[in-house]
Amino acid sequence: MQLFKNIRFGLHILATFFKQMDKLKRQLAEAEAALEARKKPPEDNGPRIVGEGLVIDEWVRSVTL
C-alpha cells in the first residue's frame, strides 16, 4: 500500500513539474516576443500622399467646378 502512495505522490510531483515548465515556456515566449517587438523600427509617421479616388479628391472636384 505504501508503494502505491509513493508512486501516486511521485506522479503528482511530475505533473506539477510539467505544469510549471509549460508556464515558464509561455513566459519565455512572451518575453521573447516583447523583445522582438522592441527591436522593430518605429512606424513612419511622416506625411502621407493622398491617393486617387479618396473622399478628399471628390471634395476638391466638387469645390473647383
PDB file of N, CA and C in Angstrom:
ATOM      1  N   MET A   1       0.821  -1.187   0.000  1.00  0.00           N
ATOM      2  CA  MET A   1       0.000   0.000   0.000  1.00  0.00           C
ATOM      3  C   MET A   1       0.871   1.260   0.000  1.00  0.00           C
ATOM      4  N   GLN A   2       1.930   1.256   0.772  1.00  0.00           N
ATOM      5  CA  GLN A   2       2.829   2.406   0.833  1.00  0.00           C
ATOM      6  C   GLN A   2       3.480   2.654  -0.526  1.00  0.00           C
ATOM      7  N   LEU A   3       3.780   1.583  -1.243  1.00  0.00           N
ATOM      8  CA  LEU A   3       4.378   1.716  -2.569  1.00  0.00           C
ATOM      9  C   LEU A   3       3.455   2.489  -3.507  1.00  0.00           C
ATOM     10  N   PHE A   4       2.171   2.188  -3.468  1.00  0.00           N
ATOM     11  CA  PHE A   4       1.208   2.884  -4.320  1.00  0.00           C
ATOM     12  C   PHE A   4       1.096   4.362  -3.935  1.00  0.00           C
ATOM     13  N   LYS A   5       1.157   4.661  -2.650  1.00  0.00           N
ATOM     14  CA  LYS A   5       1.109   6.045  -2.208  1.00  0.00           C
ATOM     15  C   LYS A   5       2.347   6.800  -2.697  1.00  0.00           C
ATOM     16  N   ASN A   6       3.491   6.132  -2.639  1.00  0.00           N
ATOM     17  CA  ASN A   6       4.732   6.757  -3.108  1.00  0.00           C
ATOM     18  C   ASN A   6       4.699   7.007  -4.614  1.00  0.00           C
ATOM     19  N   ILE A   7       4.165   6.032  -5.341  1.00  0.00           N
ATOM     20  CA  ILE A   7       4.060   6.184  -6.796  1.00  0.00           C
ATOM     21  C   ILE A   7       3.095   7.317  -7.124  1.00  0.00           C
ATOM     22  N   ARG A   8       1.980   7.350  -6.437  1.00  0.00           N
ATOM     23  CA  ARG A   8       0.985   8.404  -6.662  1.00  0.00           C
ATOM     24  C   ARG A   8       1.578   9.787  -6.344  1.00  0.00           C
ATOM     25  N   PHE A   9       2.310   9.875  -5.259  1.00  0.00           N
ATOM     26  CA  PHE A   9       2.952  11.129  -4.889  1.00  0.00           C
ATOM     27  C   PHE A   9       3.978  11.541  -5.952  1.00  0.00           C
ATOM     28  N   GLY A  10       4.742  10.579  -6.420  1.00  0.00           N
ATOM     29  CA  GLY A  10       5.739  10.849  -7.467  1.00  0.00           C
ATOM     30  C   GLY A  10       5.081  11.351  -8.743  1.00  0.00           C
ATOM     31  N   LEU A  11       3.950  10.761  -9.115  1.00  0.00           N
ATOM     32  CA  LEU A  11       3.232  11.212 -10.305  1.00  0.00           C
ATOM     33  C   LEU A  11       2.692  12.624 -10.117  1.00  0.00           C
ATOM     34  N   HIS A  12       2.252  12.907  -8.908  1.00  0.00           N
ATOM     35  CA  HIS A  12       1.769  14.253  -8.602  1.00  0.00           C
ATOM     36  C   HIS A  12       2.901  15.272  -8.747  1.00  0.00           C
ATOM     37  N   ILE A  13       4.060  14.926  -8.253  1.00  0.00           N
ATOM     38  CA  ILE A  13       5.225  15.807  -8.359  1.00  0.00           C
ATOM     39  C   ILE A  13       5.579  16.033  -9.823  1.00  0.00           C
ATOM     40  N   LEU A  14       5.559  14.965 -10.633  1.00  0.00           N
ATOM     41  CA  LEU A  14       5.867  15.103 -12.054  1.00  0.00           C
ATOM     42  C   LEU A  14       4.851  15.980 -12.764  1.00  0.00           C
ATOM     43  N   ALA A  15       3.573  15.800 -12.452  1.00  0.00           N
ATOM     44  CA  ALA A  15       2.533  16.611 -13.081  1.00  0.00           C
ATOM     45  C   ALA A  15       2.720  18.087 -12.735  1.00  0.00           C
ATOM     46  N   THR A  16       3.032  18.362 -11.487  1.00  0.00           N
ATOM     47  CA  THR A  16       3.270  19.737 -11.059  1.00  0.00           C
ATOM     48  C   THR A  16       4.482  20.315 -11.777  1.00  0.00           C
ATOM     49  N   PHE A  17       5.524  19.521 -11.901  1.00  0.00           N
ATOM     50  CA  PHE A  17       6.739  19.955 -12.590  1.00  0.00           C
ATOM     51  C   PHE A  17       6.440  20.336 -14.034  1.00  0.00           C
ATOM     52  N   PHE A  18       5.691  19.481 -14.741  1.00  0.00           N
ATOM     53  CA  PHE A  18       5.387  19.757 -16.140  1.00  0.00           C
ATOM     54  C   PHE A  18       4.475  20.970 -16.302  1.00  0.00           C
ATOM     55  N   LYS A  19       3.566  21.180 -15.382  1.00  0.00           N
ATOM     56  CA  LYS A  19       2.725  22.382 -15.428  1.00  0.00           C
ATOM     57  C   LYS A  19       3.574  23.630 -15.274  1.00  0.00           C
ATOM     58  N   GLN A  20       4.504  23.589 -14.345  1.00  0.00           N
ATOM     59  CA  GLN A  20       5.386  24.734 -14.132  1.00  0.00           C
ATOM     60  C   GLN A  20       6.298  24.966 -15.342  1.00  0.00           C
ATOM     61  N   MET A  21       6.764  23.893 -15.950  1.00  0.00           N
ATOM     62  CA  MET A  21       7.598  24.021 -17.149  1.00  0.00           C
ATOM     63  C   MET A  21       6.812  24.671 -18.283  1.00  0.00           C
ATOM     64  N   ASP A  22       5.558  24.267 -18.463  1.00  0.00           N
ATOM     65  CA  ASP A  22       4.723  24.870 -19.502  1.00  0.00           C
ATOM     66  C   ASP A  22       4.517  26.358 -19.230  1.00  0.00           C
ATOM     67  N   LYS A  23       4.288  26.705 -17.971  1.00  0.00           N
ATOM     68  CA  LYS A  23       4.104  28.108 -17.606  1.00  0.00           C
ATOM     69  C   LYS A  23       5.371  28.907 -17.913  1.00  0.00           C
ATOM     70  N   LEU A  24       6.525  28.357 -17.578  1.00  0.00           N
ATOM     71  CA  LEU A  24       7.793  29.036 -17.849  1.00  0.00           C
ATOM     72  C   LEU A  24       8.050  29.180 -19.351  1.00  0.00           C
ATOM     73  N   LYS A  25       7.683  28.169 -20.125  1.00  0.00           N
ATOM     74  CA  LYS A  25       7.849  28.252 -21.578  1.00  0.00           C
ATOM     75  C   LYS A  25       6.984  29.354 -22.161  1.00  0.00           C
ATOM     76  N   ARG A  26       5.737  29.482 -21.670  1.00  0.00           N
ATOM     77  CA  ARG A  26       4.855  30.557 -22.136  1.00  0.00           C
ATOM     78  C   ARG A  26       5.427  31.926 -21.779  1.00  0.00           C
ATOM     79  N   GLN A  27       5.927  32.046 -20.556  1.00  0.00           N
ATOM     80  CA  GLN A  27       6.509  33.321 -20.129  1.00  0.00           C
ATOM     81  C   GLN A  27       7.731  33.679 -20.973  1.00  0.00           C
ATOM     82  N   LEU A  28       8.536  32.683 -21.268  1.00  0.00           N
ATOM     83  CA  LEU A  28       9.714  32.913 -22.097  1.00  0.00           C
ATOM     84  C   LEU A  28       9.307  33.343 -23.506  1.00  0.00           C
ATOM     85  N   ALA A  29       8.304  32.701 -24.067  1.00  0.00           N
ATOM     86  CA  ALA A  29       7.839  33.069 -25.405  1.00  0.00           C
ATOM     87  C   ALA A  29       7.301  34.501 -25.416  1.00  0.00           C
ATOM     88  N   GLU A  30       6.564  34.887 -24.377  1.00  0.00           N
ATOM     89  CA  GLU A  30       6.046  36.251 -24.290  1.00  0.00           C
ATOM     90  C   GLU A  30       7.181  37.263 -24.170  1.00  0.00           C
ATOM     91  N   ALA A  31       8.182  36.935 -23.372  1.00  0.00           N
ATOM     92  CA  ALA A  31       9.324  37.841 -23.198  1.00  0.00           C
ATOM     93  C   ALA A  31      10.104  37.977 -24.504  1.00  0.00           C
ATOM     94  N   GLU A  32      10.286  36.887 -25.220  1.00  0.00           N
ATOM     95  CA  GLU A  32      10.993  36.946 -26.495  1.00  0.00           C
ATOM     96  C   GLU A  32      10.207  37.761 -27.520  1.00  0.00           C
ATOM     97  N   ALA A  33       8.882  37.605 -27.529  1.00  0.00           N
ATOM     98  CA  ALA A  33       8.051  38.377 -28.450  1.00  0.00           C
ATOM     99  C   ALA A  33       8.125  39.870 -28.125  1.00  0.00           C
ATOM    100  N   ALA A  34       8.127  40.208 -26.848  1.00  0.00           N
ATOM    101  CA  ALA A  34       8.238  41.613 -26.450  1.00  0.00           C
ATOM    102  C   ALA A  34       9.588  42.177 -26.860  1.00  0.00           C
ATOM    103  N   LEU A  35      10.624  41.389 -26.722  1.00  0.00           N
ATOM    104  CA  LEU A  35      11.956  41.831 -27.123  1.00  0.00           C
ATOM    105  C   LEU A  35      12.027  42.065 -28.626  1.00  0.00           C
ATOM    106  N   GLU A  36      11.460  41.178 -29.409  1.00  0.00           N
ATOM    107  CA  GLU A  36      11.439  41.341 -30.863  1.00  0.00           C
ATOM    108  C   GLU A  36      10.639  42.571 -31.264  1.00  0.00           C
ATOM    109  N   ALA A  37       9.551  42.828 -30.561  1.00  0.00           N
ATOM    110  CA  ALA A  37       8.728  43.998 -30.872  1.00  0.00           C
ATOM    111  C   ALA A  37       9.507  45.284 -30.623  1.00  0.00           C
ATOM    112  N   ARG A  38      10.348  45.291 -29.602  1.00  0.00           N
ATOM    113  CA  ARG A  38      11.153  46.486 -29.316  1.00  0.00           C
ATOM    114  C   ARG A  38      12.263  46.671 -30.335  1.00  0.00           C
ATOM    115  N   LYS A  39      12.692  45.596 -30.987  1.00  0.00           N
ATOM    116  CA  LYS A  39      13.774  45.685 -31.967  1.00  0.00           C
ATOM    117  C   LYS A  39      13.300  46.262 -33.294  1.00  0.00           C
ATOM    118  N   LYS A  40      11.986  46.186 -33.588  1.00  0.00           N
ATOM    119  CA  LYS A  40      11.466  46.665 -34.858  1.00  0.00           C
ATOM    120  C   LYS A  40      11.602  48.180 -34.934  1.00  0.00           C
ATOM    121  N   PRO A  41      11.885  48.687 -36.136  1.00  0.00           N
ATOM    122  CA  PRO A  41      11.990  50.141 -36.278  1.00  0.00           C
ATOM    123  C   PRO A  41      10.621  50.792 -36.039  1.00  0.00           C
ATOM    124  N   PRO A  42      10.632  52.032 -35.569  1.00  0.00           N
ATOM    125  CA  PRO A  42       9.348  52.705 -35.331  1.00  0.00           C
ATOM    126  C   PRO A  42       8.604  52.938 -36.636  1.00  0.00           C
ATOM    127  N   GLU A  43       7.288  53.020 -36.537  1.00  0.00           N
ATOM    128  CA  GLU A  43       6.482  53.251 -37.724  1.00  0.00           C
ATOM    129  C   GLU A  43       6.789  54.633 -38.301  1.00  0.00           C
ATOM    130  N   ASP A  44       6.714  54.730 -39.622  1.00  0.00           N
ATOM    131  CA  ASP A  44       6.954  56.001 -40.293  1.00  0.00           C
ATOM    132  C   ASP A  44       5.683  56.846 -40.196  1.00  0.00           C
ATOM    133  N   ASN A  45       5.764  57.924 -39.449  1.00  0.00           N
ATOM    134  CA  ASN A  45       4.617  58.799 -39.274  1.00  0.00           C
ATOM    135  C   ASN A  45       4.765  60.080 -40.087  1.00  0.00           C
ATOM    136  N   GLY A  46       5.551  60.011 -41.144  1.00  0.00           N
ATOM    137  CA  GLY A  46       5.774  61.175 -41.994  1.00  0.00           C
ATOM    138  C   GLY A  46       4.533  61.520 -42.800  1.00  0.00           C
ATOM    139  N   PRO A  47       4.630  62.551 -43.617  1.00  0.00           N
ATOM    140  CA  PRO A  47       3.462  62.970 -44.413  1.00  0.00           C
ATOM    141  C   PRO A  47       3.050  61.890 -45.400  1.00  0.00           C
ATOM    142  N   ARG A  48       1.753  61.771 -45.567  1.00  0.00           N
ATOM    143  CA  ARG A  48       1.229  60.761 -46.489  1.00  0.00           C
ATOM    144  C   ARG A  48       0.812  61.422 -47.793  1.00  0.00           C
ATOM    145  N   ILE A  49       0.910  60.681 -48.853  1.00  0.00           N
ATOM    146  CA  ILE A  49       0.454  61.151 -50.152  1.00  0.00           C
ATOM    147  C   ILE A  49      -0.970  60.641 -50.330  1.00  0.00           C
ATOM    148  N   VAL A  50      -1.860  61.554 -50.632  1.00  0.00           N
ATOM    149  CA  VAL A  50      -3.264  61.176 -50.799  1.00  0.00           C
ATOM    150  C   VAL A  50      -3.417  60.506 -52.143  1.00  0.00           C
ATOM    151  N   GLY A  51      -4.036  59.345 -52.143  1.00  0.00           N
ATOM    152  CA  GLY A  51      -4.206  58.584 -53.370  1.00  0.00           C
ATOM    153  C   GLY A  51      -5.438  58.990 -54.145  1.00  0.00           C
ATOM    154  N   GLU A  52      -5.527  58.538 -55.358  1.00  0.00           N
ATOM    155  CA  GLU A  52      -6.641  58.836 -56.238  1.00  0.00           C
ATOM    156  C   GLU A  52      -7.896  58.115 -55.760  1.00  0.00           C
ATOM    157  N   GLY A  53      -9.040  58.767 -55.910  1.00  0.00           N
ATOM    158  CA  GLY A  53     -10.308  58.142 -55.592  1.00  0.00           C
ATOM    159  C   GLY A  53     -10.713  58.270 -54.141  1.00  0.00           C
ATOM    160  N   LEU A  54     -10.029  59.040 -53.356  1.00  0.00           N
ATOM    161  CA  LEU A  54     -10.394  59.201 -51.963  1.00  0.00           C
ATOM    162  C   LEU A  54     -11.437  60.288 -51.817  1.00  0.00           C
ATOM    163  N   VAL A  55     -12.051  60.370 -50.674  1.00  0.00           N
ATOM    164  CA  VAL A  55     -13.120  61.336 -50.418  1.00  0.00           C
ATOM    165  C   VAL A  55     -12.633  62.757 -50.651  1.00  0.00           C
ATOM    166  N   ILE A  56     -11.409  63.054 -50.260  1.00  0.00           N
ATOM    167  CA  ILE A  56     -10.893  64.416 -50.433  1.00  0.00           C
ATOM    168  C   ILE A  56     -10.791  64.778 -51.907  1.00  0.00           C
ATOM    169  N   ASP A  57     -10.475  63.806 -52.755  1.00  0.00           N
ATOM    170  CA  ASP A  57     -10.432  64.068 -54.187  1.00  0.00           C
ATOM    171  C   ASP A  57     -11.802  64.460 -54.711  1.00  0.00           C
ATOM    172  N   GLU A  58     -12.822  63.765 -54.265  1.00  0.00           N
ATOM    173  CA  GLU A  58     -14.186  64.079 -54.688  1.00  0.00           C
ATOM    174  C   GLU A  58     -14.573  65.465 -54.203  1.00  0.00           C
ATOM    175  N   TRP A  59     -14.171  65.823 -52.995  1.00  0.00           N
ATOM    176  CA  TRP A  59     -14.498  67.141 -52.443  1.00  0.00           C
ATOM    177  C   TRP A  59     -13.818  68.249 -53.238  1.00  0.00           C
ATOM    178  N   VAL A  60     -12.544  68.039 -53.572  1.00  0.00           N
ATOM    179  CA  VAL A  60     -11.801  69.030 -54.355  1.00  0.00           C
ATOM    180  C   VAL A  60     -12.464  69.225 -55.708  1.00  0.00           C
ATOM    181  N   ARG A  61     -12.880  68.164 -56.358  1.00  0.00           N
ATOM    182  CA  ARG A  61     -13.529  68.268 -57.661  1.00  0.00           C
ATOM    183  C   ARG A  61     -14.828  69.047 -57.563  1.00  0.00           C
ATOM    184  N   SER A  62     -15.587  68.797 -56.508  1.00  0.00           N
ATOM    185  CA  SER A  62     -16.875  69.494 -56.373  1.00  0.00           C
ATOM    186  C   SER A  62     -16.680  70.971 -56.063  1.00  0.00           C
ATOM    187  N   VAL A  63     -15.626  71.330 -55.340  1.00  0.00           N
ATOM    188  CA  VAL A  63     -15.366  72.720 -54.988  1.00  0.00           C
ATOM    189  C   VAL A  63     -14.836  73.487 -56.191  1.00  0.00           C
ATOM    190  N   THR A  64     -14.009  72.861 -57.011  1.00  0.00           N
ATOM    191  CA  THR A  64     -13.387  73.556 -58.133  1.00  0.00           C
ATOM    192  C   THR A  64     -14.308  73.658 -59.335  1.00  0.00           C
ATOM    193  N   LEU A  65     -15.407  72.963 -59.378  1.00  0.00           N
ATOM    194  CA  LEU A  65     -16.307  73.029 -60.544  1.00  0.00           C
ATOM    195  C   LEU A  65     -17.188  74.202 -60.523  1.00  0.00           C
TER     196      LEU A  65
END
